[in-house]
Amino acid sequence: MQEQIIEKATEMYLTLGFKSVTMDDIANEMGISKKTIYQHFANKNDLVEAVTMQMFDTISCGIDEICLEDKNPITEIFEIKNFVMQNLKDEKASPIYQLQKYFPKTFKCLRNKQFDKMEDCVIRNLKKGIELGLYRNDLNLDFVSRIYYSGIHSTKDKEVFPDTMFNAVQLEEMYLEYHLRGIITEKGLKVLEKITNKSN
């Protein structure tokens, strides 16, 4: 039952947002009593934390699988972006922004885990890109990985990037292209243009 509650809560939080979905809403949607949910989770904070950590684990495993496919690093980074967006339902309900605003403790824990995962993943991607001649060989890997991580999180800030101005999917595409154009070689540019022309 605990897994079923997490699964339903995840679906509802991603579609409607962490703040707007109540324990009553989840119970009604599942056809169970609220008391049943409270047998597994002491309060909404506990449920939000369980959902968030499971989402992180699911996305981390998916990223690892993409990396094992050993594609060129530019293609890889686009595939990771698409996979993450699909799992976050294209961020229609701004889940990360709502998590930060209304559940700061869980957000902080998630952010630390994300940082470790992303730093490892991005640095590996950068090293591979340099070896293949797709990325410049004068890059400071620590700087680039951290600025990439910071930028990804900045685009989630709805006060800076409001939905009225930016579509979440387009915003991710624009940021990724912006990031890559700063680090690619002429050879890398040809690969990037092939990918972006295909998606246009």
N, C-alpha and C. Protein backbone atom coordinates (compact mmCIF):
# COMPACT_ATOMS: atom_id res chain seq x y z
N MET A 1 0.82 -1.21 0.00
CA MET A 1 0.00 0.00 0.00
C MET A 1 0.86 1.27 0.00
N GLN A 2 1.97 1.20 0.75
CA GLN A 2 2.85 2.37 0.83
C GLN A 2 3.34 2.79 -0.56
N GLU A 3 3.75 1.80 -1.37
CA GLU A 3 4.24 2.10 -2.72
C GLU A 3 3.13 2.68 -3.59
N GLN A 4 1.91 2.15 -3.42
CA GLN A 4 0.78 2.66 -4.20
C GLN A 4 0.47 4.11 -3.85
N ILE A 5 0.58 4.42 -2.57
CA ILE A 5 0.34 5.81 -2.12
C ILE A 5 1.39 6.74 -2.73
N ILE A 6 2.65 6.30 -2.68
CA ILE A 6 3.74 7.12 -3.25
C ILE A 6 3.51 7.32 -4.75
N GLU A 7 3.12 6.26 -5.42
CA GLU A 7 2.90 6.33 -6.88
C GLU A 7 1.78 7.32 -7.22
N LYS A 8 0.67 7.23 -6.51
CA LYS A 8 -0.46 8.14 -6.77
C LYS A 8 -0.10 9.57 -6.39
N ALA A 9 0.57 9.73 -5.24
CA ALA A 9 0.96 11.08 -4.80
C ALA A 9 1.93 11.71 -5.80
N THR A 10 2.86 10.92 -6.31
CA THR A 10 3.83 11.43 -7.30
C THR A 10 3.09 11.96 -8.52
N GLU A 11 2.19 11.16 -9.03
CA GLU A 11 1.40 11.53 -10.22
C GLU A 11 0.64 12.84 -9.97
N MET A 12 0.01 12.96 -8.81
CA MET A 12 -0.80 14.15 -8.51
C MET A 12 0.07 15.38 -8.23
N TYR A 13 1.18 15.19 -7.51
CA TYR A 13 2.06 16.32 -7.22
C TYR A 13 2.65 16.89 -8.51
N LEU A 14 3.04 16.00 -9.42
CA LEU A 14 3.65 16.47 -10.66
C LEU A 14 2.64 17.14 -11.58
N THR A 15 1.40 16.70 -11.51
CA THR A 15 0.36 17.27 -12.37
C THR A 15 -0.23 18.55 -11.79
N LEU A 16 -0.44 18.56 -10.47
CA LEU A 16 -1.16 19.68 -9.84
C LEU A 16 -0.28 20.53 -8.92
N GLY A 17 0.87 20.01 -8.53
CA GLY A 17 1.76 20.77 -7.65
C GLY A 17 1.75 20.24 -6.22
N PHE A 18 2.88 20.35 -5.55
CA PHE A 18 3.02 19.86 -4.18
C PHE A 18 2.09 20.58 -3.21
N LYS A 19 1.89 21.87 -3.43
CA LYS A 19 1.12 22.65 -2.47
C LYS A 19 -0.37 22.35 -2.55
N SER A 20 -0.89 22.29 -3.81
CA SER A 20 -2.35 22.19 -3.95
C SER A 20 -2.95 20.83 -3.61
N VAL A 21 -2.16 19.76 -3.68
CA VAL A 21 -2.69 18.42 -3.42
C VAL A 21 -2.69 18.12 -1.92
N THR A 22 -3.86 17.82 -1.37
CA THR A 22 -3.98 17.51 0.06
C THR A 22 -3.99 15.99 0.26
N MET A 23 -3.86 15.58 1.51
CA MET A 23 -3.96 14.15 1.84
C MET A 23 -5.36 13.64 1.50
N ASP A 24 -6.36 14.48 1.70
CA ASP A 24 -7.74 14.12 1.33
C ASP A 24 -7.85 13.84 -0.16
N ASP A 25 -7.23 14.69 -0.97
CA ASP A 25 -7.27 14.53 -2.43
C ASP A 25 -6.70 13.17 -2.83
N ILE A 26 -5.57 12.82 -2.23
CA ILE A 26 -4.91 11.55 -2.57
C ILE A 26 -5.79 10.37 -2.13
N ALA A 27 -6.34 10.46 -0.93
CA ALA A 27 -7.22 9.40 -0.41
C ALA A 27 -8.44 9.22 -1.32
N ASN A 28 -9.07 10.34 -1.71
CA ASN A 28 -10.25 10.28 -2.58
C ASN A 28 -9.91 9.67 -3.93
N GLU A 29 -8.79 10.08 -4.46
CA GLU A 29 -8.36 9.58 -5.78
C GLU A 29 -8.10 8.07 -5.73
N MET A 30 -7.60 7.59 -4.60
CA MET A 30 -7.28 6.17 -4.46
C MET A 30 -8.45 5.34 -3.95
N GLY A 31 -9.50 6.01 -3.50
CA GLY A 31 -10.64 5.29 -2.94
C GLY A 31 -10.33 4.65 -1.60
N ILE A 32 -9.47 5.30 -0.81
CA ILE A 32 -9.13 4.80 0.53
C ILE A 32 -9.39 5.91 1.55
N SER A 33 -9.30 5.59 2.82
CA SER A 33 -9.50 6.62 3.84
C SER A 33 -8.18 7.35 4.09
N LYS A 34 -8.30 8.58 4.56
CA LYS A 34 -7.09 9.35 4.89
C LYS A 34 -6.30 8.65 5.99
N LYS A 35 -7.03 7.96 6.85
CA LYS A 35 -6.41 7.24 7.97
C LYS A 35 -5.41 6.19 7.45
N THR A 36 -5.75 5.57 6.33
CA THR A 36 -4.86 4.56 5.73
C THR A 36 -3.53 5.20 5.33
N ILE A 37 -3.62 6.40 4.77
CA ILE A 37 -2.37 7.11 4.38
C ILE A 37 -1.54 7.39 5.62
N TYR A 38 -2.22 7.84 6.69
CA TYR A 38 -1.50 8.19 7.92
C TYR A 38 -0.90 6.98 8.65
N GLN A 39 -1.35 5.78 8.27
CA GLN A 39 -0.71 4.57 8.82
C GLN A 39 0.71 4.39 8.25
N HIS A 40 0.93 4.98 7.06
CA HIS A 40 2.22 4.83 6.38
C HIS A 40 3.07 6.11 6.44
N PHE A 41 2.41 7.25 6.54
CA PHE A 41 3.12 8.53 6.55
C PHE A 41 2.54 9.42 7.64
N ALA A 42 3.38 9.89 8.55
CA ALA A 42 2.91 10.66 9.71
C ALA A 42 2.23 11.96 9.31
N ASN A 43 2.70 12.57 8.23
CA ASN A 43 2.12 13.85 7.79
C ASN A 43 2.49 14.09 6.32
N LYS A 44 2.03 15.21 5.80
CA LYS A 44 2.27 15.51 4.39
C LYS A 44 3.76 15.69 4.11
N ASN A 45 4.49 16.28 5.05
CA ASN A 45 5.94 16.46 4.85
C ASN A 45 6.63 15.13 4.60
N ASP A 46 6.25 14.11 5.39
CA ASP A 46 6.85 12.78 5.24
C ASP A 46 6.54 12.19 3.86
N LEU A 47 5.30 12.39 3.42
CA LEU A 47 4.91 11.87 2.11
C LEU A 47 5.65 12.60 0.99
N VAL A 48 5.74 13.91 1.10
CA VAL A 48 6.46 14.70 0.09
C VAL A 48 7.92 14.25 0.02
N GLU A 49 8.51 14.01 1.18
CA GLU A 49 9.91 13.56 1.21
C GLU A 49 10.07 12.20 0.54
N ALA A 50 9.15 11.27 0.84
CA ALA A 50 9.21 9.92 0.25
C ALA A 50 9.06 10.00 -1.27
N VAL A 51 8.12 10.83 -1.72
CA VAL A 51 7.89 11.01 -3.17
C VAL A 51 9.14 11.60 -3.82
N THR A 52 9.69 12.63 -3.20
CA THR A 52 10.84 13.33 -3.77
C THR A 52 12.05 12.41 -3.89
N MET A 53 12.32 11.64 -2.84
CA MET A 53 13.49 10.75 -2.86
C MET A 53 13.31 9.61 -3.86
N GLN A 54 12.06 9.13 -3.98
CA GLN A 54 11.83 8.06 -4.97
C GLN A 54 11.98 8.61 -6.39
N MET A 55 11.50 9.83 -6.61
CA MET A 55 11.67 10.47 -7.92
C MET A 55 13.16 10.62 -8.25
N PHE A 56 13.93 11.04 -7.24
CA PHE A 56 15.37 11.22 -7.44
C PHE A 56 16.02 9.88 -7.82
N ASP A 57 15.66 8.82 -7.11
CA ASP A 57 16.24 7.49 -7.39
C ASP A 57 15.87 7.01 -8.79
N THR A 58 14.60 7.22 -9.17
CA THR A 58 14.14 6.80 -10.50
C THR A 58 14.90 7.54 -11.59
N ILE A 59 15.02 8.86 -11.42
CA ILE A 59 15.70 9.67 -12.43
C ILE A 59 17.19 9.33 -12.47
N SER A 60 17.81 9.11 -11.30
CA SER A 60 19.24 8.75 -11.25
C SER A 60 19.50 7.45 -12.00
N CYS A 61 18.65 6.45 -11.77
CA CYS A 61 18.81 5.15 -12.45
C CYS A 61 18.67 5.32 -13.96
N GLY A 62 17.70 6.13 -14.37
CA GLY A 62 17.48 6.38 -15.81
C GLY A 62 18.68 7.07 -16.44
N ILE A 63 19.26 8.03 -15.73
CA ILE A 63 20.44 8.74 -16.22
C ILE A 63 21.61 7.75 -16.37
N ASP A 64 21.78 6.88 -15.38
CA ASP A 64 22.85 5.88 -15.44
C ASP A 64 22.69 4.97 -16.67
N GLU A 65 21.45 4.60 -16.95
CA GLU A 65 21.19 3.73 -18.12
C GLU A 65 21.53 4.45 -19.42
N ILE A 66 21.19 5.74 -19.51
CA ILE A 66 21.51 6.52 -20.71
C ILE A 66 23.03 6.60 -20.89
N CYS A 67 23.74 6.83 -19.78
CA CYS A 67 25.20 6.95 -19.84
C CYS A 67 25.85 5.64 -20.29
N LEU A 68 25.25 4.51 -19.91
CA LEU A 68 25.80 3.20 -20.30
C LEU A 68 25.69 2.95 -21.80
N GLU A 69 24.81 3.68 -22.47
CA GLU A 69 24.63 3.49 -23.92
C GLU A 69 25.83 4.02 -24.71
N ASP A 70 26.68 4.80 -24.05
CA ASP A 70 27.95 5.26 -24.63
C ASP A 70 27.76 6.04 -25.94
N LYS A 71 26.81 6.97 -25.95
CA LYS A 71 26.60 7.82 -27.12
C LYS A 71 27.56 9.00 -27.04
N ASN A 72 27.63 9.79 -28.11
CA ASN A 72 28.50 10.96 -28.02
C ASN A 72 27.94 11.90 -26.96
N PRO A 73 28.78 12.63 -26.24
CA PRO A 73 28.33 13.39 -25.07
C PRO A 73 27.29 14.48 -25.34
N ILE A 74 27.26 15.01 -26.56
CA ILE A 74 26.26 16.04 -26.86
C ILE A 74 24.88 15.39 -26.99
N THR A 75 24.82 14.27 -27.70
CA THR A 75 23.57 13.52 -27.81
C THR A 75 23.12 13.06 -26.42
N GLU A 76 24.08 12.57 -25.64
CA GLU A 76 23.79 12.06 -24.29
C GLU A 76 23.13 13.13 -23.42
N ILE A 77 23.65 14.34 -23.45
CA ILE A 77 23.14 15.39 -22.58
C ILE A 77 21.70 15.78 -22.98
N PHE A 78 21.40 15.73 -24.28
CA PHE A 78 20.02 16.00 -24.74
C PHE A 78 19.09 14.86 -24.32
N GLU A 79 19.56 13.63 -24.41
CA GLU A 79 18.72 12.49 -24.02
C GLU A 79 18.43 12.51 -22.52
N ILE A 80 19.43 12.89 -21.73
CA ILE A 80 19.22 13.01 -20.28
C ILE A 80 18.18 14.10 -20.00
N LYS A 81 18.32 15.22 -20.68
CA LYS A 81 17.35 16.32 -20.50
C LYS A 81 15.94 15.86 -20.83
N ASN A 82 15.77 15.15 -21.95
CA ASN A 82 14.44 14.66 -22.36
C ASN A 82 13.87 13.68 -21.34
N PHE A 83 14.74 12.79 -20.85
CA PHE A 83 14.31 11.80 -19.87
C PHE A 83 13.84 12.46 -18.57
N VAL A 84 14.62 13.42 -18.09
CA VAL A 84 14.25 14.13 -16.85
C VAL A 84 12.95 14.88 -17.03
N MET A 85 12.79 15.58 -18.15
CA MET A 85 11.56 16.34 -18.41
C MET A 85 10.34 15.42 -18.47
N GLN A 86 10.49 14.25 -19.09
CA GLN A 86 9.37 13.29 -19.16
C GLN A 86 8.96 12.84 -17.77
N ASN A 87 9.96 12.58 -16.92
CA ASN A 87 9.67 12.11 -15.57
C ASN A 87 9.09 13.20 -14.68
N LEU A 88 9.35 14.45 -15.04
CA LEU A 88 8.77 15.56 -14.28
C LEU A 88 7.54 16.12 -14.99
N LYS A 89 6.99 15.34 -15.93
CA LYS A 89 5.77 15.73 -16.68
C LYS A 89 5.96 17.10 -17.34
N ASP A 90 7.16 17.34 -17.90
CA ASP A 90 7.49 18.63 -18.52
C ASP A 90 7.31 19.80 -17.56
N GLU A 91 7.30 19.50 -16.27
CA GLU A 91 7.25 20.51 -15.21
C GLU A 91 6.03 21.44 -15.32
N LYS A 92 4.92 20.89 -15.76
CA LYS A 92 3.71 21.72 -15.93
C LYS A 92 3.27 22.37 -14.62
N ALA A 93 3.49 21.67 -13.50
CA ALA A 93 3.06 22.23 -12.21
C ALA A 93 4.23 22.85 -11.43
N SER A 94 5.35 23.06 -12.11
CA SER A 94 6.55 23.63 -11.47
C SER A 94 6.90 22.92 -10.17
N PRO A 95 7.06 21.58 -10.19
CA PRO A 95 7.26 20.85 -8.94
C PRO A 95 8.49 21.29 -8.14
N ILE A 96 9.60 21.53 -8.82
CA ILE A 96 10.83 21.88 -8.09
C ILE A 96 10.69 23.24 -7.42
N TYR A 97 10.09 24.18 -8.13
CA TYR A 97 9.88 25.52 -7.57
C TYR A 97 8.96 25.45 -6.34
N GLN A 98 7.89 24.68 -6.44
CA GLN A 98 6.95 24.54 -5.31
C GLN A 98 7.61 23.81 -4.14
N LEU A 99 8.42 22.83 -4.46
CA LEU A 99 9.13 22.09 -3.41
C LEU A 99 10.04 23.06 -2.63
N GLN A 100 10.76 23.89 -3.37
CA GLN A 100 11.67 24.85 -2.73
C GLN A 100 10.91 25.84 -1.86
N LYS A 101 9.76 26.29 -2.35
CA LYS A 101 9.00 27.33 -1.66
C LYS A 101 8.25 26.81 -0.43
N TYR A 102 7.66 25.62 -0.55
CA TYR A 102 6.77 25.13 0.52
C TYR A 102 7.35 24.00 1.37
N PHE A 103 8.40 23.33 0.86
CA PHE A 103 9.02 22.24 1.61
C PHE A 103 10.54 22.40 1.57
N PRO A 104 11.04 23.50 2.15
CA PRO A 104 12.47 23.84 2.01
C PRO A 104 13.44 22.78 2.53
N LYS A 105 13.06 22.07 3.61
CA LYS A 105 13.96 21.06 4.18
C LYS A 105 14.16 19.90 3.19
N THR A 106 13.06 19.43 2.62
CA THR A 106 13.13 18.35 1.63
C THR A 106 13.87 18.82 0.39
N PHE A 107 13.60 20.06 -0.01
CA PHE A 107 14.26 20.62 -1.18
C PHE A 107 15.78 20.66 -0.98
N LYS A 108 16.21 21.07 0.20
CA LYS A 108 17.65 21.17 0.48
C LYS A 108 18.32 19.80 0.40
N CYS A 109 17.66 18.80 0.96
CA CYS A 109 18.17 17.43 0.92
C CYS A 109 18.27 16.95 -0.54
N LEU A 110 17.21 17.22 -1.31
CA LEU A 110 17.20 16.83 -2.72
C LEU A 110 18.31 17.55 -3.47
N ARG A 111 18.46 18.83 -3.20
CA ARG A 111 19.45 19.62 -3.92
C ARG A 111 20.87 19.09 -3.68
N ASN A 112 21.17 18.69 -2.45
CA ASN A 112 22.49 18.13 -2.15
C ASN A 112 22.74 16.84 -2.92
N LYS A 113 21.70 15.99 -2.98
CA LYS A 113 21.82 14.72 -3.71
C LYS A 113 21.97 14.98 -5.21
N GLN A 114 21.18 15.95 -5.70
CA GLN A 114 21.25 16.30 -7.12
C GLN A 114 22.62 16.84 -7.49
N PHE A 115 23.18 17.66 -6.61
CA PHE A 115 24.48 18.26 -6.88
C PHE A 115 25.54 17.18 -7.05
N ASP A 116 25.56 16.23 -6.11
CA ASP A 116 26.54 15.15 -6.18
C ASP A 116 26.38 14.33 -7.46
N LYS A 117 25.12 14.03 -7.79
CA LYS A 117 24.83 13.22 -8.98
C LYS A 117 25.21 13.99 -10.24
N MET A 118 24.77 15.25 -10.31
CA MET A 118 24.99 16.02 -11.53
C MET A 118 26.47 16.34 -11.73
N GLU A 119 27.16 16.64 -10.64
CA GLU A 119 28.58 16.97 -10.76
C GLU A 119 29.34 15.78 -11.35
N ASP A 120 29.07 14.60 -10.83
CA ASP A 120 29.72 13.38 -11.31
C ASP A 120 29.38 13.13 -12.78
N CYS A 121 28.10 13.27 -13.12
CA CYS A 121 27.60 13.01 -14.46
C CYS A 121 28.15 14.03 -15.46
N VAL A 122 28.13 15.31 -15.10
CA VAL A 122 28.56 16.37 -16.02
C VAL A 122 30.07 16.32 -16.23
N ILE A 123 30.83 16.10 -15.16
CA ILE A 123 32.29 16.04 -15.32
C ILE A 123 32.69 14.86 -16.21
N ARG A 124 32.02 13.73 -16.03
CA ARG A 124 32.30 12.57 -16.89
C ARG A 124 31.97 12.90 -18.35
N ASN A 125 30.82 13.58 -18.56
CA ASN A 125 30.40 13.99 -19.91
C ASN A 125 31.42 14.96 -20.52
N LEU A 126 31.91 15.90 -19.72
CA LEU A 126 32.88 16.89 -20.21
C LEU A 126 34.20 16.21 -20.61
N LYS A 127 34.68 15.30 -19.77
CA LYS A 127 35.94 14.60 -20.06
C LYS A 127 35.84 13.82 -21.38
N LYS A 128 34.69 13.16 -21.54
CA LYS A 128 34.47 12.37 -22.76
C LYS A 128 34.41 13.28 -23.99
N GLY A 129 33.73 14.43 -23.83
CA GLY A 129 33.62 15.38 -24.94
C GLY A 129 34.97 15.96 -25.34
N ILE A 130 35.83 16.21 -24.36
CA ILE A 130 37.18 16.72 -24.64
C ILE A 130 37.99 15.65 -25.39
N GLU A 131 37.91 14.41 -24.91
CA GLU A 131 38.64 13.31 -25.55
C GLU A 131 38.24 13.14 -27.02
N LEU A 132 36.95 13.34 -27.30
CA LEU A 132 36.43 13.16 -28.66
C LEU A 132 36.60 14.41 -29.52
N GLY A 133 37.12 15.48 -28.93
CA GLY A 133 37.32 16.72 -29.68
C GLY A 133 36.04 17.51 -29.90
N LEU A 134 34.98 17.18 -29.13
CA LEU A 134 33.70 17.89 -29.27
C LEU A 134 33.63 19.11 -28.34
N TYR A 135 34.35 19.04 -27.22
CA TYR A 135 34.42 20.16 -26.28
C TYR A 135 35.83 20.72 -26.27
N ARG A 136 35.94 22.00 -25.97
CA ARG A 136 37.26 22.65 -25.88
C ARG A 136 38.12 21.97 -24.81
N ASN A 137 39.41 21.88 -25.07
CA ASN A 137 40.29 21.20 -24.11
C ASN A 137 40.84 22.12 -23.03
N ASP A 138 40.44 23.41 -23.05
CA ASP A 138 40.91 24.35 -22.04
C ASP A 138 39.87 24.62 -20.95
N LEU A 139 38.84 23.76 -20.88
CA LEU A 139 37.75 23.99 -19.93
C LEU A 139 38.19 23.69 -18.50
N ASN A 140 37.73 24.51 -17.57
CA ASN A 140 37.88 24.20 -16.14
C ASN A 140 36.66 23.36 -15.77
N LEU A 141 36.88 22.07 -15.59
CA LEU A 141 35.76 21.13 -15.42
C LEU A 141 34.91 21.45 -14.19
N ASP A 142 35.55 21.80 -13.09
CA ASP A 142 34.79 22.11 -11.87
C ASP A 142 33.91 23.34 -12.07
N PHE A 143 34.47 24.35 -12.73
CA PHE A 143 33.68 25.57 -12.99
C PHE A 143 32.50 25.28 -13.90
N VAL A 144 32.76 24.60 -15.03
CA VAL A 144 31.70 24.34 -16.02
C VAL A 144 30.59 23.48 -15.41
N SER A 145 30.96 22.45 -14.65
CA SER A 145 29.93 21.57 -14.07
C SER A 145 29.08 22.33 -13.06
N ARG A 146 29.71 23.22 -12.28
CA ARG A 146 28.96 23.98 -11.27
C ARG A 146 28.10 25.07 -11.90
N ILE A 147 28.60 25.70 -12.95
CA ILE A 147 27.81 26.76 -13.59
C ILE A 147 26.62 26.13 -14.33
N TYR A 148 26.83 24.93 -14.86
CA TYR A 148 25.74 24.21 -15.52
C TYR A 148 24.65 23.85 -14.50
N TYR A 149 25.09 23.32 -13.37
CA TYR A 149 24.15 22.96 -12.29
C TYR A 149 23.39 24.20 -11.81
N SER A 150 24.11 25.30 -11.59
CA SER A 150 23.47 26.55 -11.11
C SER A 150 22.45 27.05 -12.12
N GLY A 151 22.81 26.98 -13.40
CA GLY A 151 21.90 27.47 -14.45
C GLY A 151 20.64 26.65 -14.54
N ILE A 152 20.79 25.33 -14.44
CA ILE A 152 19.61 24.44 -14.47
C ILE A 152 18.65 24.83 -13.36
N HIS A 153 19.19 25.09 -12.17
CA HIS A 153 18.32 25.46 -11.04
C HIS A 153 17.74 26.86 -11.19
N SER A 154 18.49 27.75 -11.78
CA SER A 154 17.98 29.12 -11.98
C SER A 154 16.77 29.14 -12.90
N THR A 155 16.77 28.26 -13.91
CA THR A 155 15.63 28.25 -14.85
C THR A 155 14.34 27.75 -14.19
N LYS A 156 14.46 27.13 -13.01
CA LYS A 156 13.26 26.66 -12.29
C LYS A 156 12.61 27.79 -11.49
N ASP A 157 13.30 28.92 -11.36
CA ASP A 157 12.79 30.03 -10.57
C ASP A 157 11.73 30.78 -11.36
N LYS A 158 10.47 30.60 -10.96
CA LYS A 158 9.34 31.17 -11.71
C LYS A 158 9.25 32.68 -11.59
N GLU A 159 9.97 33.26 -10.63
CA GLU A 159 9.97 34.72 -10.55
C GLU A 159 10.90 35.30 -11.60
N VAL A 160 11.96 34.57 -11.92
CA VAL A 160 12.90 35.02 -12.95
C VAL A 160 12.45 34.56 -14.34
N PHE A 161 11.94 33.34 -14.42
CA PHE A 161 11.48 32.76 -15.69
C PHE A 161 10.00 32.37 -15.58
N PRO A 162 9.10 33.36 -15.57
CA PRO A 162 7.67 33.05 -15.39
C PRO A 162 7.09 32.26 -16.56
N ASP A 163 6.07 31.45 -16.25
CA ASP A 163 5.41 30.63 -17.27
C ASP A 163 4.80 31.49 -18.37
N THR A 164 4.45 32.71 -18.04
CA THR A 164 3.84 33.60 -19.04
C THR A 164 4.84 34.00 -20.13
N MET A 165 6.13 33.89 -19.82
CA MET A 165 7.16 34.25 -20.79
C MET A 165 7.85 33.04 -21.40
N PHE A 166 7.97 31.97 -20.62
CA PHE A 166 8.75 30.82 -21.07
C PHE A 166 8.01 29.50 -20.86
N ASN A 167 7.98 28.69 -21.90
CA ASN A 167 7.48 27.32 -21.81
C ASN A 167 8.61 26.47 -21.23
N ALA A 168 8.30 25.60 -20.26
CA ALA A 168 9.34 24.83 -19.55
C ALA A 168 10.22 24.01 -20.50
N VAL A 169 9.61 23.37 -21.50
CA VAL A 169 10.38 22.53 -22.43
C VAL A 169 11.31 23.40 -23.27
N GLN A 170 10.78 24.50 -23.80
CA GLN A 170 11.60 25.41 -24.62
C GLN A 170 12.73 26.02 -23.79
N LEU A 171 12.43 26.33 -22.55
CA LEU A 171 13.42 26.93 -21.66
C LEU A 171 14.60 25.98 -21.44
N GLU A 172 14.30 24.70 -21.23
CA GLU A 172 15.36 23.71 -21.06
C GLU A 172 16.20 23.58 -22.33
N GLU A 173 15.52 23.58 -23.49
CA GLU A 173 16.22 23.50 -24.78
C GLU A 173 17.15 24.70 -24.95
N MET A 174 16.62 25.89 -24.66
CA MET A 174 17.41 27.11 -24.84
C MET A 174 18.62 27.12 -23.92
N TYR A 175 18.40 26.69 -22.66
CA TYR A 175 19.50 26.70 -21.70
C TYR A 175 20.58 25.71 -22.11
N LEU A 176 20.16 24.53 -22.55
CA LEU A 176 21.12 23.50 -22.95
C LEU A 176 21.96 23.96 -24.13
N GLU A 177 21.30 24.58 -25.11
CA GLU A 177 22.04 25.08 -26.28
C GLU A 177 22.99 26.20 -25.87
N TYR A 178 22.52 27.06 -24.98
CA TYR A 178 23.36 28.16 -24.47
C TYR A 178 24.61 27.60 -23.79
N HIS A 179 24.41 26.58 -22.95
CA HIS A 179 25.52 25.94 -22.23
C HIS A 179 26.51 25.31 -23.22
N LEU A 180 25.98 24.54 -24.16
CA LEU A 180 26.85 23.81 -25.08
C LEU A 180 27.63 24.73 -26.01
N ARG A 181 26.99 25.79 -26.47
CA ARG A 181 27.68 26.70 -27.39
C ARG A 181 28.88 27.38 -26.73
N GLY A 182 28.89 27.42 -25.40
CA GLY A 182 30.03 28.00 -24.70
C GLY A 182 31.21 27.06 -24.54
N ILE A 183 30.99 25.75 -24.80
CA ILE A 183 32.07 24.78 -24.52
C ILE A 183 32.46 23.92 -25.72
N ILE A 184 31.69 24.00 -26.82
CA ILE A 184 31.97 23.09 -27.95
C ILE A 184 33.04 23.64 -28.89
N THR A 185 33.62 22.71 -29.66
CA THR A 185 34.58 23.03 -30.72
C THR A 185 33.78 23.12 -32.03
N GLU A 186 34.49 23.38 -33.13
CA GLU A 186 33.85 23.38 -34.46
C GLU A 186 33.21 22.02 -34.74
N LYS A 187 33.94 20.96 -34.36
CA LYS A 187 33.43 19.60 -34.56
C LYS A 187 32.16 19.39 -33.73
N GLY A 188 32.18 19.89 -32.50
CA GLY A 188 31.01 19.77 -31.63
C GLY A 188 29.83 20.57 -32.14
N LEU A 189 30.11 21.71 -32.77
CA LEU A 189 29.04 22.57 -33.31
C LEU A 189 28.26 21.83 -34.39
N LYS A 190 28.97 21.06 -35.21
CA LYS A 190 28.29 20.30 -36.28
C LYS A 190 27.32 19.29 -35.68
N VAL A 191 27.75 18.63 -34.59
CA VAL A 191 26.89 17.65 -33.91
C VAL A 191 25.68 18.36 -33.30
N LEU A 192 25.92 19.50 -32.63
CA LEU A 192 24.84 20.25 -32.00
C LEU A 192 23.83 20.73 -33.03
N GLU A 193 24.30 21.25 -34.14
CA GLU A 193 23.38 21.76 -35.18
C GLU A 193 22.54 20.65 -35.77
N LYS A 194 23.13 19.48 -35.91
CA LYS A 194 22.40 18.31 -36.40
C LYS A 194 21.23 17.99 -35.47
N ILE A 195 21.52 18.01 -34.15
CA ILE A 195 20.49 17.68 -33.15
C ILE A 195 19.43 18.78 -33.09
N THR A 196 19.83 20.04 -33.04
CA THR A 196 18.86 21.13 -32.90
C THR A 196 18.03 21.30 -34.16
N ASN A 197 18.62 21.05 -35.33
CA ASN A 197 17.85 21.15 -36.58
C ASN A 197 16.80 20.05 -36.65
N LYS A 198 17.17 18.87 -36.11
CA LYS A 198 16.25 17.73 -36.10
C LYS A 198 15.05 18.03 -35.20
N SER A 199 15.30 18.74 -34.08
CA SER A 199 14.20 18.98 -33.13
C SER A 199 13.40 20.23 -33.49
N ASN A 200 13.87 21.04 -34.44
CA ASN A 200 13.13 22.26 -34.85
C ASN A 200 12.04 21.93 -35.85
